């Protein structure tokens, strides 16, 4: 018997993400990155009043609360999830919380990808389009890939991925692919 799930999203939710939610739950198979990001966004939104109050009183305390929420969400997925604010003023862009600049630490011990690094580069070009890719962090028997444009980058290491851009439809699709193929992680809803 099929299960019906109703999901409410804000009007600001990326239409691509909304479509992934609908198709994901229809097939009972949403991709893990999409699932994690939506979970994080919901938790940050739920705590937004408290965060805004803390920002007025003590920005460091607000940042600590945001980091704590990221860790709590990440723990559900066995990932250390870090919400980053790499540029001044971004912590006050509330509508972007959980929609850009995340670090996902999957397994500190991993030094090699379970798939060929070239496949990651090919898939990045296929999904993201006109971007640059290069080997990165190639020392001490480690490997990594950097995917970037003039305005953003994604650092992909066997133990972690660091996304320094907004999660548009293409970035989300690529990160979903990465989580499943380069990190061998599946959705919790499957």
N, C-alpha and C. Protein backbone atom coordinates (compact mmCIF):
# COMPACT_ATOMS: atom_id res chain seq x y z
N UNK A 1 0.85 -1.19 0.00
CA UNK A 1 0.00 0.00 0.00
C UNK A 1 0.89 1.24 0.00
N UNK A 2 0.70 2.17 -0.94
CA UNK A 2 1.55 3.36 -0.99
C UNK A 2 1.32 4.28 0.19
N UNK A 3 2.38 4.94 0.58
CA UNK A 3 2.32 5.91 1.68
C UNK A 3 2.26 7.30 1.08
N UNK A 4 1.35 8.13 1.56
CA UNK A 4 1.24 9.49 1.08
C UNK A 4 1.92 10.41 2.08
N UNK A 5 2.79 11.25 1.57
CA UNK A 5 3.49 12.21 2.41
C UNK A 5 3.22 13.60 1.87
N UNK A 6 2.84 14.50 2.74
CA UNK A 6 2.61 15.88 2.34
C UNK A 6 3.75 16.71 2.90
N UNK A 7 4.36 17.51 2.03
CA UNK A 7 5.47 18.35 2.44
C UNK A 7 5.13 19.78 2.11
N UNK A 8 5.32 20.65 3.09
CA UNK A 8 5.09 22.07 2.87
C UNK A 8 6.45 22.74 2.71
N UNK A 9 6.58 23.50 1.64
CA UNK A 9 7.82 24.24 1.43
C UNK A 9 7.47 25.71 1.27
N UNK A 10 8.44 26.54 1.54
CA UNK A 10 8.23 27.97 1.38
C UNK A 10 8.22 28.32 -0.09
N UNK A 11 7.64 29.46 -0.44
CA UNK A 11 7.63 29.91 -1.83
C UNK A 11 9.04 30.16 -2.32
N UNK A 12 9.97 30.40 -1.39
CA UNK A 12 11.36 30.69 -1.76
C UNK A 12 12.15 29.41 -2.03
N UNK A 13 11.58 28.23 -1.69
CA UNK A 13 12.29 26.99 -1.92
C UNK A 13 12.55 26.82 -3.41
N UNK A 14 13.78 26.53 -3.75
CA UNK A 14 14.19 26.33 -5.13
C UNK A 14 13.24 25.34 -5.80
N UNK A 15 12.66 25.69 -6.97
CA UNK A 15 11.74 24.77 -7.66
C UNK A 15 12.36 23.40 -7.95
N UNK A 16 13.65 23.37 -8.24
CA UNK A 16 14.32 22.10 -8.47
C UNK A 16 14.31 21.23 -7.22
N UNK A 17 14.56 21.86 -6.07
CA UNK A 17 14.54 21.13 -4.80
C UNK A 17 13.11 20.65 -4.53
N UNK A 18 12.13 21.54 -4.78
CA UNK A 18 10.74 21.17 -4.57
C UNK A 18 10.38 19.95 -5.41
N UNK A 19 10.83 19.94 -6.67
CA UNK A 19 10.57 18.81 -7.55
C UNK A 19 11.24 17.56 -7.03
N UNK A 20 12.49 17.69 -6.53
CA UNK A 20 13.19 16.54 -5.97
C UNK A 20 12.45 15.99 -4.76
N UNK A 21 11.88 16.89 -3.96
CA UNK A 21 11.12 16.45 -2.79
C UNK A 21 9.92 15.64 -3.25
N UNK A 22 9.19 16.18 -4.20
CA UNK A 22 7.98 15.52 -4.67
C UNK A 22 8.32 14.17 -5.30
N UNK A 23 9.24 14.16 -6.25
CA UNK A 23 9.61 12.89 -6.89
C UNK A 23 10.29 11.97 -5.90
N UNK A 24 11.11 12.53 -5.03
CA UNK A 24 11.80 11.70 -4.05
C UNK A 24 10.83 10.96 -3.16
N UNK A 25 9.86 11.66 -2.62
CA UNK A 25 8.92 11.00 -1.74
C UNK A 25 7.94 10.14 -2.51
N UNK A 26 7.63 10.54 -3.73
CA UNK A 26 6.74 9.71 -4.55
C UNK A 26 7.39 8.34 -4.77
N UNK A 27 8.68 8.34 -5.03
CA UNK A 27 9.40 7.09 -5.24
C UNK A 27 9.99 6.56 -3.94
N UNK A 28 9.71 7.21 -2.83
CA UNK A 28 10.30 6.92 -1.53
C UNK A 28 11.82 6.83 -1.62
N UNK A 29 12.41 7.74 -2.41
CA UNK A 29 13.86 7.72 -2.56
C UNK A 29 14.39 9.11 -2.83
N UNK A 30 14.48 9.93 -1.81
CA UNK A 30 15.11 11.26 -1.95
C UNK A 30 16.60 11.07 -1.70
N UNK A 31 17.40 11.82 -2.39
CA UNK A 31 18.85 11.67 -2.27
C UNK A 31 19.33 12.25 -0.93
N UNK A 32 20.40 11.70 -0.40
CA UNK A 32 20.83 12.03 0.96
C UNK A 32 21.25 13.49 1.14
N UNK A 33 21.95 14.08 0.17
CA UNK A 33 22.33 15.48 0.32
C UNK A 33 21.09 16.36 0.38
N UNK A 34 20.16 16.14 -0.53
CA UNK A 34 18.91 16.91 -0.52
C UNK A 34 18.18 16.75 0.80
N UNK A 35 18.12 15.52 1.28
CA UNK A 35 17.44 15.22 2.54
C UNK A 35 18.11 15.94 3.70
N UNK A 36 19.42 15.86 3.78
CA UNK A 36 20.18 16.49 4.86
C UNK A 36 20.01 18.01 4.84
N UNK A 37 20.11 18.61 3.65
CA UNK A 37 20.00 20.06 3.52
C UNK A 37 18.60 20.54 3.90
N UNK A 38 17.58 19.81 3.48
CA UNK A 38 16.21 20.18 3.85
C UNK A 38 16.00 20.07 5.35
N UNK A 39 16.54 19.02 5.95
CA UNK A 39 16.46 18.84 7.39
C UNK A 39 17.15 20.00 8.11
N UNK A 40 18.36 20.35 7.65
CA UNK A 40 19.10 21.47 8.24
C UNK A 40 18.32 22.77 8.11
N UNK A 41 17.80 23.04 6.92
CA UNK A 41 17.05 24.28 6.71
C UNK A 41 15.84 24.35 7.63
N UNK A 42 15.15 23.23 7.79
CA UNK A 42 13.97 23.21 8.67
C UNK A 42 14.37 23.48 10.12
N UNK A 43 15.44 22.86 10.58
CA UNK A 43 15.88 23.06 11.96
C UNK A 43 16.34 24.51 12.20
N UNK A 44 17.05 25.06 11.23
CA UNK A 44 17.48 26.46 11.37
C UNK A 44 16.28 27.40 11.36
N UNK A 45 15.31 27.12 10.52
CA UNK A 45 14.10 27.95 10.45
C UNK A 45 13.32 27.87 11.77
N UNK A 46 13.23 26.66 12.32
CA UNK A 46 12.54 26.46 13.59
C UNK A 46 13.19 27.27 14.71
N UNK A 47 14.50 27.41 14.66
CA UNK A 47 15.25 28.11 15.70
C UNK A 47 15.58 29.56 15.35
N UNK A 48 15.02 30.06 14.26
CA UNK A 48 15.41 31.38 13.75
C UNK A 48 15.14 32.52 14.73
N UNK A 49 14.02 32.50 15.42
CA UNK A 49 13.73 33.58 16.37
C UNK A 49 14.81 33.64 17.46
N UNK A 50 15.18 32.48 17.97
CA UNK A 50 16.22 32.41 19.00
C UNK A 50 17.56 32.89 18.45
N UNK A 51 17.89 32.47 17.23
CA UNK A 51 19.16 32.86 16.60
C UNK A 51 19.21 34.37 16.39
N UNK A 52 18.13 34.94 15.91
CA UNK A 52 18.09 36.39 15.67
C UNK A 52 18.26 37.17 16.98
N UNK A 53 17.62 36.69 18.03
CA UNK A 53 17.75 37.32 19.34
C UNK A 53 19.20 37.25 19.81
N UNK A 54 19.80 36.07 19.66
CA UNK A 54 21.20 35.89 20.07
C UNK A 54 22.14 36.78 19.26
N UNK A 55 21.86 36.94 17.97
CA UNK A 55 22.71 37.78 17.12
C UNK A 55 22.76 39.22 17.63
N UNK A 56 21.61 39.71 18.11
CA UNK A 56 21.57 41.08 18.65
C UNK A 56 22.37 41.19 19.94
N UNK A 57 22.27 40.17 20.79
CA UNK A 57 22.93 40.19 22.10
C UNK A 57 24.42 39.84 22.00
N UNK A 58 24.71 38.74 21.28
CA UNK A 58 26.08 38.25 21.22
C UNK A 58 26.24 37.37 19.97
N UNK A 59 26.77 37.92 18.88
CA UNK A 59 26.90 37.16 17.63
C UNK A 59 27.65 35.83 17.77
N UNK A 60 28.64 35.78 18.64
CA UNK A 60 29.39 34.53 18.83
C UNK A 60 28.49 33.43 19.37
N UNK A 61 27.60 33.78 20.27
CA UNK A 61 26.66 32.81 20.83
C UNK A 61 25.70 32.33 19.75
N UNK A 62 25.25 33.23 18.91
CA UNK A 62 24.36 32.86 17.80
C UNK A 62 25.07 31.89 16.86
N UNK A 63 26.31 32.21 16.53
CA UNK A 63 27.08 31.33 15.65
C UNK A 63 27.24 29.95 16.28
N UNK A 64 27.54 29.90 17.57
CA UNK A 64 27.68 28.62 18.27
C UNK A 64 26.38 27.82 18.20
N UNK A 65 25.24 28.50 18.32
CA UNK A 65 23.95 27.81 18.24
C UNK A 65 23.73 27.24 16.83
N UNK A 66 24.08 28.01 15.80
CA UNK A 66 23.94 27.54 14.42
C UNK A 66 24.83 26.31 14.19
N UNK A 67 26.05 26.36 14.68
CA UNK A 67 26.98 25.22 14.55
C UNK A 67 26.42 24.01 15.28
N UNK A 68 25.86 24.24 16.46
CA UNK A 68 25.27 23.15 17.25
C UNK A 68 24.11 22.50 16.49
N UNK A 69 23.26 23.31 15.86
CA UNK A 69 22.14 22.77 15.07
C UNK A 69 22.67 21.94 13.92
N UNK A 70 23.71 22.44 13.25
CA UNK A 70 24.34 21.68 12.16
C UNK A 70 24.85 20.33 12.65
N UNK A 71 25.49 20.32 13.80
CA UNK A 71 26.02 19.07 14.36
C UNK A 71 24.89 18.10 14.70
N UNK A 72 23.79 18.63 15.27
CA UNK A 72 22.65 17.79 15.62
C UNK A 72 22.04 17.14 14.38
N UNK A 73 21.87 17.93 13.32
CA UNK A 73 21.31 17.39 12.08
C UNK A 73 22.28 16.38 11.48
N UNK A 74 23.55 16.74 11.40
CA UNK A 74 24.55 15.84 10.83
C UNK A 74 24.62 14.51 11.53
N UNK A 75 24.47 14.53 12.85
CA UNK A 75 24.55 13.30 13.64
C UNK A 75 23.52 12.27 13.17
N UNK A 76 22.35 12.72 12.74
CA UNK A 76 21.31 11.81 12.24
C UNK A 76 21.77 11.05 11.00
N UNK A 77 22.72 11.62 10.28
CA UNK A 77 23.20 11.05 9.02
C UNK A 77 24.63 10.51 9.14
N UNK A 78 25.14 10.46 10.37
CA UNK A 78 26.52 10.04 10.63
C UNK A 78 27.53 10.90 9.88
N UNK A 79 27.25 12.19 9.85
CA UNK A 79 28.10 13.17 9.18
C UNK A 79 28.35 14.32 10.16
N UNK A 80 29.57 14.83 10.16
CA UNK A 80 29.83 16.07 10.90
C UNK A 80 29.49 17.20 9.93
N UNK A 81 28.45 17.91 10.23
CA UNK A 81 27.93 18.97 9.36
C UNK A 81 28.28 20.32 9.95
N UNK A 82 28.97 21.13 9.16
CA UNK A 82 29.39 22.45 9.63
C UNK A 82 28.79 23.53 8.74
N UNK A 83 28.07 24.45 9.35
CA UNK A 83 27.52 25.60 8.64
C UNK A 83 28.57 26.69 8.67
N UNK A 84 29.01 27.12 7.50
CA UNK A 84 30.08 28.12 7.40
C UNK A 84 29.53 29.49 7.01
N UNK A 85 30.21 30.52 7.46
CA UNK A 85 29.91 31.90 7.07
C UNK A 85 31.24 32.54 6.66
N UNK A 86 31.68 32.26 5.39
CA UNK A 86 33.03 32.67 4.99
C UNK A 86 33.21 34.17 4.74
N UNK A 87 32.13 34.90 4.62
CA UNK A 87 32.24 36.34 4.35
C UNK A 87 31.48 37.13 5.41
N UNK A 88 32.01 38.28 5.74
CA UNK A 88 31.38 39.14 6.75
C UNK A 88 29.94 39.46 6.34
N UNK A 89 29.05 39.42 7.32
CA UNK A 89 27.66 39.79 7.08
C UNK A 89 26.75 38.65 6.67
N UNK A 90 27.32 37.54 6.26
CA UNK A 90 26.47 36.42 5.80
C UNK A 90 25.64 35.81 6.92
N UNK A 91 26.10 35.91 8.14
CA UNK A 91 25.35 35.34 9.25
C UNK A 91 24.01 36.07 9.43
N UNK A 92 23.90 37.27 8.89
CA UNK A 92 22.65 38.03 8.99
C UNK A 92 21.74 37.82 7.79
N UNK A 93 22.13 36.98 6.85
CA UNK A 93 21.29 36.65 5.69
C UNK A 93 20.48 35.40 6.03
N UNK A 94 19.46 35.59 6.86
CA UNK A 94 18.70 34.49 7.45
C UNK A 94 18.06 33.57 6.41
N UNK A 95 17.59 34.14 5.32
CA UNK A 95 16.91 33.33 4.31
C UNK A 95 17.86 32.39 3.58
N UNK A 96 19.17 32.53 3.78
CA UNK A 96 20.15 31.67 3.12
C UNK A 96 20.73 30.59 4.05
N UNK A 97 20.28 30.56 5.29
CA UNK A 97 20.78 29.56 6.23
C UNK A 97 20.56 28.15 5.67
N UNK A 98 21.62 27.37 5.61
CA UNK A 98 21.52 25.99 5.15
C UNK A 98 21.40 25.85 3.65
N UNK A 99 21.56 26.95 2.92
CA UNK A 99 21.40 26.92 1.47
C UNK A 99 22.71 27.20 0.73
N UNK A 100 23.80 27.31 1.49
CA UNK A 100 25.12 27.53 0.88
C UNK A 100 26.19 27.31 1.96
N UNK A 101 27.42 27.17 1.50
CA UNK A 101 28.60 27.16 2.38
C UNK A 101 28.53 26.14 3.52
N UNK A 102 28.51 24.88 3.14
CA UNK A 102 28.50 23.80 4.13
C UNK A 102 29.74 22.93 3.98
N UNK A 103 30.17 22.36 5.08
CA UNK A 103 31.20 21.32 5.08
C UNK A 103 30.57 20.06 5.65
N UNK A 104 30.77 18.96 4.95
CA UNK A 104 30.28 17.66 5.39
C UNK A 104 31.49 16.76 5.57
N UNK A 105 31.79 16.40 6.81
CA UNK A 105 32.89 15.51 7.09
C UNK A 105 32.30 14.13 7.30
N UNK A 106 32.66 13.23 6.40
CA UNK A 106 32.06 11.90 6.39
C UNK A 106 32.88 10.89 7.17
N UNK A 107 34.19 10.83 6.91
CA UNK A 107 35.05 9.85 7.57
C UNK A 107 36.49 10.37 7.53
N UNK A 108 37.00 10.86 8.65
CA UNK A 108 38.34 11.44 8.72
C UNK A 108 39.44 10.47 8.28
N UNK A 109 39.20 9.19 8.39
CA UNK A 109 40.23 8.19 8.10
C UNK A 109 40.44 7.95 6.61
N UNK A 110 39.46 8.24 5.78
CA UNK A 110 39.56 7.94 4.35
C UNK A 110 40.56 8.84 3.66
N UNK A 111 41.43 8.20 2.84
CA UNK A 111 42.42 8.95 2.07
C UNK A 111 42.22 8.79 0.57
N UNK A 112 41.42 7.79 0.18
CA UNK A 112 41.19 7.50 -1.23
C UNK A 112 39.69 7.37 -1.48
N UNK A 113 39.27 7.77 -2.68
CA UNK A 113 37.87 7.61 -3.07
C UNK A 113 37.60 6.14 -3.41
N UNK A 114 36.36 5.68 -3.22
CA UNK A 114 36.03 4.31 -3.62
C UNK A 114 35.83 4.18 -5.14
N UNK A 115 35.82 5.31 -5.84
CA UNK A 115 35.69 5.32 -7.30
C UNK A 115 36.87 6.11 -7.87
N UNK A 116 37.07 5.96 -9.15
CA UNK A 116 38.15 6.67 -9.82
C UNK A 116 37.90 8.18 -9.76
N UNK A 117 38.91 8.92 -9.39
CA UNK A 117 38.82 10.38 -9.28
C UNK A 117 38.38 11.03 -10.61
N UNK A 118 38.78 10.44 -11.73
CA UNK A 118 38.41 10.96 -13.04
C UNK A 118 36.90 10.93 -13.25
N UNK A 119 36.24 9.94 -12.69
CA UNK A 119 34.78 9.84 -12.79
C UNK A 119 34.11 11.02 -12.08
N UNK A 120 34.67 11.43 -10.96
CA UNK A 120 34.14 12.59 -10.24
C UNK A 120 34.27 13.84 -11.10
N UNK A 121 35.41 13.99 -11.74
CA UNK A 121 35.63 15.16 -12.60
C UNK A 121 34.68 15.15 -13.79
N UNK A 122 34.51 13.99 -14.41
CA UNK A 122 33.60 13.87 -15.56
C UNK A 122 32.17 14.20 -15.15
N UNK A 123 31.74 13.66 -14.03
CA UNK A 123 30.37 13.88 -13.56
C UNK A 123 30.16 15.36 -13.21
N UNK A 124 31.17 16.00 -12.64
CA UNK A 124 31.08 17.43 -12.32
C UNK A 124 30.83 18.24 -13.60
N UNK A 125 31.59 17.95 -14.64
CA UNK A 125 31.41 18.66 -15.91
C UNK A 125 30.06 18.38 -16.53
N UNK A 126 29.63 17.12 -16.45
CA UNK A 126 28.34 16.73 -17.02
C UNK A 126 27.18 17.45 -16.32
N UNK A 127 27.20 17.48 -15.01
CA UNK A 127 26.08 18.06 -14.25
C UNK A 127 26.18 19.58 -14.14
N UNK A 128 27.37 20.08 -13.85
CA UNK A 128 27.54 21.51 -13.55
C UNK A 128 27.81 22.37 -14.79
N UNK A 129 28.17 21.74 -15.89
CA UNK A 129 28.37 22.49 -17.13
C UNK A 129 29.73 23.14 -17.25
N UNK A 130 29.74 24.42 -17.55
CA UNK A 130 30.96 25.17 -17.84
C UNK A 130 31.72 25.52 -16.56
N UNK A 131 32.50 24.57 -16.07
CA UNK A 131 33.27 24.74 -14.83
C UNK A 131 34.68 24.23 -15.06
N UNK A 132 35.52 24.47 -14.07
CA UNK A 132 36.90 23.97 -14.11
C UNK A 132 37.02 22.88 -13.06
N UNK A 133 37.83 21.87 -13.38
CA UNK A 133 38.10 20.80 -12.41
C UNK A 133 39.60 20.54 -12.39
N UNK A 134 40.08 20.19 -11.23
CA UNK A 134 41.51 19.87 -11.11
C UNK A 134 41.73 18.95 -9.92
N UNK A 135 42.84 18.22 -9.98
CA UNK A 135 43.24 17.43 -8.81
C UNK A 135 43.64 18.41 -7.71
N UNK A 136 43.38 18.02 -6.47
CA UNK A 136 43.70 18.90 -5.34
C UNK A 136 44.13 18.05 -4.15
N UNK A 137 44.91 18.63 -3.29
CA UNK A 137 45.32 17.99 -2.03
C UNK A 137 46.00 16.64 -2.28
N UNK A 138 46.83 16.58 -3.32
CA UNK A 138 47.48 15.33 -3.71
C UNK A 138 48.83 15.19 -2.99
N UNK A 139 48.80 14.75 -1.75
CA UNK A 139 50.03 14.54 -0.99
C UNK A 139 49.80 13.44 0.03
N UNK A 140 50.87 12.86 0.53
CA UNK A 140 50.82 11.80 1.55
C UNK A 140 49.82 10.71 1.19
N UNK A 141 49.85 10.26 -0.06
CA UNK A 141 48.96 9.20 -0.54
C UNK A 141 47.47 9.57 -0.41
N UNK A 142 47.19 10.86 -0.46
CA UNK A 142 45.81 11.34 -0.42
C UNK A 142 45.43 11.82 -1.81
N UNK A 143 44.16 12.02 -2.00
CA UNK A 143 43.68 12.55 -3.28
C UNK A 143 42.50 13.47 -3.02
N UNK A 144 42.21 14.30 -4.00
CA UNK A 144 41.09 15.20 -3.91
C UNK A 144 40.81 15.84 -5.25
N UNK A 145 39.66 16.49 -5.34
CA UNK A 145 39.24 17.17 -6.56
C UNK A 145 38.69 18.53 -6.17
N UNK A 146 39.03 19.52 -6.95
CA UNK A 146 38.44 20.85 -6.78
C UNK A 146 37.62 21.14 -8.04
N UNK A 147 36.38 21.52 -7.83
CA UNK A 147 35.46 21.91 -8.89
C UNK A 147 35.18 23.38 -8.65
N UNK A 148 35.33 24.23 -9.67
CA UNK A 148 35.17 25.65 -9.41
C UNK A 148 34.84 26.46 -10.65
N UNK A 149 34.37 27.66 -10.39
CA UNK A 149 34.17 28.68 -11.42
C UNK A 149 34.86 29.93 -10.90
N UNK A 150 34.61 31.05 -11.51
CA UNK A 150 35.22 32.30 -11.04
C UNK A 150 34.63 32.75 -9.71
N UNK A 151 33.41 32.30 -9.38
CA UNK A 151 32.70 32.81 -8.20
C UNK A 151 32.54 31.82 -7.05
N UNK A 152 32.81 30.55 -7.27
CA UNK A 152 32.57 29.56 -6.22
C UNK A 152 33.47 28.34 -6.42
N UNK A 153 33.45 27.45 -5.39
CA UNK A 153 34.21 26.20 -5.51
C UNK A 153 33.59 25.13 -4.63
N UNK A 154 33.91 23.89 -4.99
CA UNK A 154 33.56 22.72 -4.19
C UNK A 154 34.84 21.91 -4.05
N UNK A 155 35.29 21.70 -2.81
CA UNK A 155 36.46 20.89 -2.54
C UNK A 155 35.99 19.50 -2.13
N UNK A 156 36.42 18.50 -2.89
CA UNK A 156 35.96 17.13 -2.69
C UNK A 156 37.17 16.29 -2.27
N UNK A 157 37.10 15.80 -1.05
CA UNK A 157 38.17 14.96 -0.50
C UNK A 157 37.55 13.62 -0.12
N UNK A 158 38.33 12.56 -0.04
CA UNK A 158 37.75 11.26 0.31
C UNK A 158 37.01 11.26 1.65
N UNK A 159 37.42 12.13 2.56
CA UNK A 159 36.78 12.16 3.87
C UNK A 159 35.75 13.27 4.04
N UNK A 160 35.68 14.21 3.09
CA UNK A 160 34.78 15.34 3.28
C UNK A 160 34.52 16.08 1.97
N UNK A 161 33.47 16.87 2.00
CA UNK A 161 33.18 17.77 0.87
C UNK A 161 32.86 19.14 1.46
N UNK A 162 33.41 20.18 0.83
CA UNK A 162 33.24 21.55 1.29
C UNK A 162 32.65 22.34 0.13
N UNK A 163 31.43 22.81 0.32
CA UNK A 163 30.68 23.46 -0.75
C UNK A 163 30.63 24.95 -0.45
N UNK A 164 31.30 25.73 -1.29
CA UNK A 164 31.41 27.17 -1.08
C UNK A 164 30.60 27.91 -2.14
N UNK A 165 29.31 27.62 -2.17
CA UNK A 165 28.39 28.25 -3.11
C UNK A 165 26.96 27.98 -2.67
N UNK A 166 26.01 28.63 -3.34
CA UNK A 166 24.59 28.34 -3.11
C UNK A 166 24.24 27.00 -3.73
N UNK A 167 23.28 26.32 -3.14
CA UNK A 167 22.85 25.02 -3.64
C UNK A 167 21.72 25.21 -4.64
N UNK A 168 22.09 25.52 -5.88
CA UNK A 168 21.07 25.58 -6.92
C UNK A 168 20.77 24.15 -7.36
N UNK A 169 19.93 24.00 -8.35
CA UNK A 169 19.51 22.67 -8.80
C UNK A 169 20.71 21.82 -9.24
N UNK A 170 21.65 22.40 -9.99
CA UNK A 170 22.81 21.65 -10.48
C UNK A 170 23.75 21.25 -9.36
N UNK A 171 24.04 22.17 -8.46
CA UNK A 171 24.94 21.87 -7.33
C UNK A 171 24.32 20.78 -6.46
N UNK A 172 23.03 20.88 -6.22
CA UNK A 172 22.34 19.88 -5.41
C UNK A 172 22.40 18.51 -6.08
N UNK A 173 22.14 18.48 -7.37
CA UNK A 173 22.18 17.21 -8.10
C UNK A 173 23.58 16.59 -8.04
N UNK A 174 24.60 17.43 -8.22
CA UNK A 174 25.98 16.93 -8.16
C UNK A 174 26.31 16.42 -6.76
N UNK A 175 25.92 17.15 -5.74
CA UNK A 175 26.21 16.73 -4.36
C UNK A 175 25.45 15.44 -4.01
N UNK A 176 24.22 15.31 -4.51
CA UNK A 176 23.49 14.05 -4.32
C UNK A 176 24.27 12.89 -4.96
N UNK A 177 24.76 13.12 -6.17
CA UNK A 177 25.54 12.09 -6.86
C UNK A 177 26.81 11.76 -6.07
N UNK A 178 27.50 12.80 -5.60
CA UNK A 178 28.72 12.60 -4.80
C UNK A 178 28.45 11.74 -3.57
N UNK A 179 27.41 12.09 -2.84
CA UNK A 179 27.12 11.38 -1.59
C UNK A 179 26.87 9.90 -1.85
N UNK A 180 26.17 9.61 -2.93
CA UNK A 180 25.86 8.22 -3.24
C UNK A 180 27.06 7.47 -3.82
N UNK A 181 27.85 8.12 -4.65
CA UNK A 181 28.91 7.42 -5.38
C UNK A 181 30.31 7.58 -4.78
N UNK A 182 30.68 8.79 -4.40
CA UNK A 182 32.02 9.02 -3.84
C UNK A 182 32.08 8.72 -2.35
N UNK A 183 30.93 8.79 -1.67
CA UNK A 183 30.90 8.54 -0.22
C UNK A 183 30.05 7.32 0.15
N UNK A 184 29.43 6.71 -0.86
CA UNK A 184 28.66 5.50 -0.68
C UNK A 184 27.61 5.61 0.43
N UNK A 185 26.88 6.73 0.41
CA UNK A 185 25.85 6.98 1.41
C UNK A 185 24.48 6.97 0.73
N UNK A 186 23.53 6.40 1.40
CA UNK A 186 22.16 6.32 0.88
C UNK A 186 21.25 7.14 1.77
N UNK A 187 20.11 7.48 1.22
CA UNK A 187 19.10 8.23 1.95
C UNK A 187 18.58 7.45 3.14
N UNK A 188 18.18 8.17 4.17
CA UNK A 188 17.59 7.55 5.34
C UNK A 188 16.13 7.18 5.10
N UNK A 189 15.51 7.74 4.03
CA UNK A 189 14.10 7.48 3.77
C UNK A 189 13.88 6.24 2.91
N UNK A 190 14.96 5.62 2.44
CA UNK A 190 14.81 4.45 1.58
C UNK A 190 14.37 3.27 2.40
